[in-house]
N, C-alpha and C. Protein backbone atom coordinates (compact mmCIF):
# COMPACT_ATOMS: atom_id res chain seq x y z
N MET A 1 -7.85 15.51 -1.39
CA MET A 1 -6.96 14.44 -1.71
C MET A 1 -5.58 14.82 -1.23
N GLN A 2 -4.80 13.81 -0.84
CA GLN A 2 -3.43 14.03 -0.37
C GLN A 2 -2.54 13.03 -1.10
N ALA A 3 -1.44 13.53 -1.67
CA ALA A 3 -0.52 12.67 -2.41
C ALA A 3 0.87 12.77 -1.82
N TYR A 4 1.58 11.64 -1.81
CA TYR A 4 2.95 11.62 -1.31
C TYR A 4 3.67 10.40 -1.87
N VAL A 5 4.99 10.42 -1.80
CA VAL A 5 5.82 9.28 -2.19
C VAL A 5 6.19 8.54 -0.90
N ALA A 6 6.02 7.23 -0.91
CA ALA A 6 6.30 6.42 0.28
C ALA A 6 7.32 5.34 -0.06
N ASP A 7 8.23 5.11 0.88
CA ASP A 7 9.19 4.02 0.77
C ASP A 7 8.75 2.90 1.71
N PHE A 8 8.82 1.67 1.23
CA PHE A 8 8.42 0.50 2.01
C PHE A 8 9.62 -0.44 2.12
N PRO A 9 10.25 -0.50 3.28
CA PRO A 9 11.40 -1.39 3.44
C PRO A 9 10.98 -2.85 3.40
N PRO A 10 11.94 -3.74 3.10
CA PRO A 10 11.59 -5.17 3.11
C PRO A 10 11.22 -5.62 4.52
N ARG A 11 10.17 -6.40 4.63
CA ARG A 11 9.70 -6.91 5.92
C ARG A 11 9.23 -8.36 5.72
N ALA A 12 9.38 -9.13 6.76
CA ALA A 12 8.89 -10.50 6.75
C ALA A 12 7.38 -10.49 6.99
N PRO A 13 6.67 -11.52 6.52
CA PRO A 13 5.23 -11.60 6.79
C PRO A 13 4.97 -11.51 8.30
N GLY A 14 3.93 -10.78 8.66
CA GLY A 14 3.56 -10.62 10.07
C GLY A 14 4.37 -9.58 10.82
N LYS A 15 5.32 -8.92 10.16
CA LYS A 15 6.16 -7.93 10.82
C LYS A 15 5.71 -6.49 10.54
N THR A 16 4.50 -6.33 10.06
CA THR A 16 3.92 -5.00 9.83
C THR A 16 2.59 -4.91 10.57
N SER A 17 2.15 -3.71 10.81
CA SER A 17 0.88 -3.50 11.52
C SER A 17 -0.21 -3.06 10.56
N GLU A 18 -1.40 -3.59 10.78
CA GLU A 18 -2.55 -3.12 10.01
C GLU A 18 -2.90 -1.70 10.44
N HIS A 19 -3.42 -0.94 9.50
CA HIS A 19 -3.93 0.38 9.80
C HIS A 19 -5.13 0.64 8.91
N PHE A 20 -5.86 1.69 9.20
CA PHE A 20 -7.01 2.07 8.37
C PHE A 20 -7.27 3.55 8.58
N HIS A 21 -7.98 4.14 7.65
CA HIS A 21 -8.36 5.55 7.72
C HIS A 21 -9.56 5.73 6.81
N GLU A 22 -10.36 6.73 7.11
CA GLU A 22 -11.56 6.96 6.31
C GLU A 22 -11.19 7.29 4.87
N GLY A 23 -12.10 6.97 3.96
CA GLY A 23 -11.93 7.34 2.57
C GLY A 23 -11.43 6.20 1.70
N ALA A 24 -10.66 6.56 0.67
CA ALA A 24 -10.13 5.61 -0.29
C ALA A 24 -8.65 5.89 -0.50
N GLU A 25 -7.97 4.91 -1.08
CA GLU A 25 -6.54 5.05 -1.31
C GLU A 25 -6.18 4.49 -2.68
N PHE A 26 -5.30 5.19 -3.37
CA PHE A 26 -4.74 4.75 -4.64
C PHE A 26 -3.23 4.68 -4.48
N LEU A 27 -2.62 3.62 -4.96
CA LEU A 27 -1.18 3.45 -4.87
C LEU A 27 -0.65 3.04 -6.24
N PHE A 28 0.42 3.70 -6.69
CA PHE A 28 1.10 3.36 -7.94
C PHE A 28 2.55 3.03 -7.61
N LEU A 29 2.97 1.82 -7.92
CA LEU A 29 4.31 1.36 -7.57
C LEU A 29 5.34 1.87 -8.58
N LEU A 30 6.26 2.69 -8.09
CA LEU A 30 7.32 3.27 -8.93
C LEU A 30 8.50 2.33 -9.10
N ALA A 31 8.86 1.61 -8.02
CA ALA A 31 10.04 0.74 -8.06
C ALA A 31 9.90 -0.37 -7.03
N GLY A 32 10.55 -1.49 -7.31
CA GLY A 32 10.58 -2.59 -6.36
C GLY A 32 9.36 -3.49 -6.45
N GLU A 33 9.17 -4.24 -5.38
CA GLU A 33 8.04 -5.17 -5.26
C GLU A 33 7.40 -4.94 -3.91
N LEU A 34 6.07 -4.92 -3.89
CA LEU A 34 5.32 -4.60 -2.68
C LEU A 34 4.20 -5.59 -2.48
N ALA A 35 4.02 -6.01 -1.23
CA ALA A 35 2.87 -6.84 -0.88
C ALA A 35 1.89 -5.96 -0.12
N ILE A 36 0.62 -6.05 -0.48
CA ILE A 36 -0.43 -5.36 0.26
C ILE A 36 -1.40 -6.42 0.75
N GLN A 37 -1.72 -6.36 2.03
CA GLN A 37 -2.70 -7.27 2.59
C GLN A 37 -3.99 -6.49 2.80
N PHE A 38 -5.09 -7.00 2.25
CA PHE A 38 -6.39 -6.34 2.30
C PHE A 38 -7.45 -7.42 2.32
N GLU A 39 -8.40 -7.29 3.23
CA GLU A 39 -9.49 -8.25 3.37
C GLU A 39 -8.97 -9.68 3.50
N GLY A 40 -7.90 -9.84 4.27
CA GLY A 40 -7.38 -11.16 4.56
C GLY A 40 -6.55 -11.81 3.47
N GLU A 41 -6.34 -11.13 2.35
CA GLU A 41 -5.55 -11.68 1.25
C GLU A 41 -4.36 -10.79 0.97
N GLU A 42 -3.23 -11.42 0.65
CA GLU A 42 -2.04 -10.66 0.29
C GLU A 42 -1.88 -10.66 -1.22
N HIS A 43 -1.64 -9.47 -1.78
CA HIS A 43 -1.48 -9.29 -3.22
C HIS A 43 -0.09 -8.71 -3.47
N GLU A 44 0.61 -9.24 -4.46
CA GLU A 44 1.94 -8.74 -4.78
C GLU A 44 1.88 -7.80 -5.98
N LEU A 45 2.51 -6.65 -5.82
CA LEU A 45 2.57 -5.65 -6.88
C LEU A 45 3.99 -5.54 -7.39
N ARG A 46 4.14 -5.28 -8.67
CA ARG A 46 5.43 -5.07 -9.32
C ARG A 46 5.46 -3.64 -9.87
N GLU A 47 6.64 -3.18 -10.21
CA GLU A 47 6.82 -1.85 -10.77
C GLU A 47 5.80 -1.60 -11.88
N GLY A 48 5.09 -0.48 -11.79
CA GLY A 48 4.07 -0.12 -12.78
C GLY A 48 2.66 -0.56 -12.41
N ASP A 49 2.51 -1.42 -11.41
CA ASP A 49 1.19 -1.86 -10.95
C ASP A 49 0.55 -0.79 -10.07
N SER A 50 -0.77 -0.84 -9.98
CA SER A 50 -1.49 0.09 -9.11
C SER A 50 -2.64 -0.64 -8.43
N VAL A 51 -3.15 0.00 -7.38
CA VAL A 51 -4.27 -0.56 -6.64
C VAL A 51 -5.10 0.60 -6.09
N TYR A 52 -6.41 0.39 -6.02
CA TYR A 52 -7.35 1.37 -5.47
C TYR A 52 -8.28 0.61 -4.55
N PHE A 53 -8.50 1.12 -3.33
CA PHE A 53 -9.34 0.38 -2.38
C PHE A 53 -9.93 1.30 -1.32
N ASP A 54 -10.91 0.76 -0.61
CA ASP A 54 -11.56 1.43 0.52
C ASP A 54 -10.61 1.36 1.70
N SER A 55 -10.01 2.48 2.07
CA SER A 55 -8.99 2.47 3.12
C SER A 55 -9.57 2.44 4.54
N SER A 56 -10.91 2.42 4.65
CA SER A 56 -11.50 2.25 5.98
C SER A 56 -11.44 0.78 6.42
N GLU A 57 -11.08 -0.11 5.48
CA GLU A 57 -10.84 -1.51 5.79
C GLU A 57 -9.38 -1.68 6.21
N PRO A 58 -9.09 -2.46 7.24
CA PRO A 58 -7.69 -2.65 7.65
C PRO A 58 -6.82 -3.17 6.50
N HIS A 59 -5.62 -2.59 6.38
CA HIS A 59 -4.68 -2.99 5.34
C HIS A 59 -3.26 -2.80 5.85
N ARG A 60 -2.31 -3.44 5.18
CA ARG A 60 -0.90 -3.30 5.53
C ARG A 60 -0.05 -3.52 4.29
N TYR A 61 1.16 -2.96 4.33
CA TYR A 61 2.11 -3.08 3.22
C TYR A 61 3.42 -3.65 3.73
N ARG A 62 4.17 -4.29 2.83
CA ARG A 62 5.55 -4.66 3.13
C ARG A 62 6.34 -4.79 1.84
N GLY A 63 7.53 -4.25 1.85
CA GLY A 63 8.43 -4.39 0.71
C GLY A 63 8.86 -5.84 0.58
N LEU A 64 8.99 -6.30 -0.66
CA LEU A 64 9.37 -7.69 -0.89
C LEU A 64 10.82 -7.82 -1.36
N ALA A 65 11.29 -6.90 -2.16
CA ALA A 65 12.64 -6.98 -2.69
C ALA A 65 13.64 -6.49 -1.65
N GLU A 66 14.90 -6.86 -1.82
CA GLU A 66 15.93 -6.44 -0.88
C GLU A 66 16.00 -4.92 -0.75
N ALA A 67 15.76 -4.22 -1.83
CA ALA A 67 15.79 -2.76 -1.81
C ALA A 67 14.45 -2.16 -1.37
N GLY A 68 13.46 -2.98 -1.08
CA GLY A 68 12.15 -2.46 -0.68
C GLY A 68 11.35 -2.01 -1.89
N ALA A 69 10.50 -1.02 -1.68
CA ALA A 69 9.64 -0.52 -2.76
C ALA A 69 9.40 0.97 -2.55
N ARG A 70 9.07 1.65 -3.65
CA ARG A 70 8.73 3.08 -3.61
C ARG A 70 7.46 3.27 -4.42
N ALA A 71 6.51 4.05 -3.85
CA ALA A 71 5.22 4.22 -4.51
C ALA A 71 4.68 5.63 -4.32
N VAL A 72 3.86 6.05 -5.26
CA VAL A 72 3.05 7.25 -5.08
C VAL A 72 1.76 6.79 -4.43
N VAL A 73 1.41 7.41 -3.32
CA VAL A 73 0.19 7.07 -2.59
C VAL A 73 -0.71 8.30 -2.60
N ILE A 74 -1.97 8.11 -2.96
CA ILE A 74 -2.95 9.19 -2.96
C ILE A 74 -4.13 8.75 -2.10
N THR A 75 -4.43 9.52 -1.07
CA THR A 75 -5.57 9.22 -0.22
C THR A 75 -6.68 10.23 -0.50
N PHE A 76 -7.91 9.73 -0.46
CA PHE A 76 -9.08 10.54 -0.73
C PHE A 76 -9.98 10.54 0.50
N PRO A 77 -10.46 11.70 0.93
CA PRO A 77 -11.36 11.72 2.09
C PRO A 77 -12.70 11.08 1.72
N PRO A 78 -13.48 10.70 2.71
CA PRO A 78 -14.79 10.11 2.40
C PRO A 78 -15.70 11.12 1.72
N ARG A 79 -16.58 10.63 0.89
CA ARG A 79 -17.57 11.50 0.23
C ARG A 79 -18.67 11.84 1.20
N ILE A 80 -19.08 13.06 1.18
CA ILE A 80 -20.16 13.50 2.09
C ILE A 80 -21.48 13.49 1.38
């Protein structure tokens, strides 16, 4: 598992790139507001919200508030 703090600047819809990686991902929002797009749907997170998903599926993030967002992100390698 790998953990880090990530900052997400504010971005307009369509101004971020999808990415993917093997395994799973957990994100806990520390501050701000964050949009995550996964499986064709955009979900808005607020401070204190979290999300867990299969990161081998394309996903993208964008900060929603003027100050962006800050989150703890934990990635998990695939199970063998």
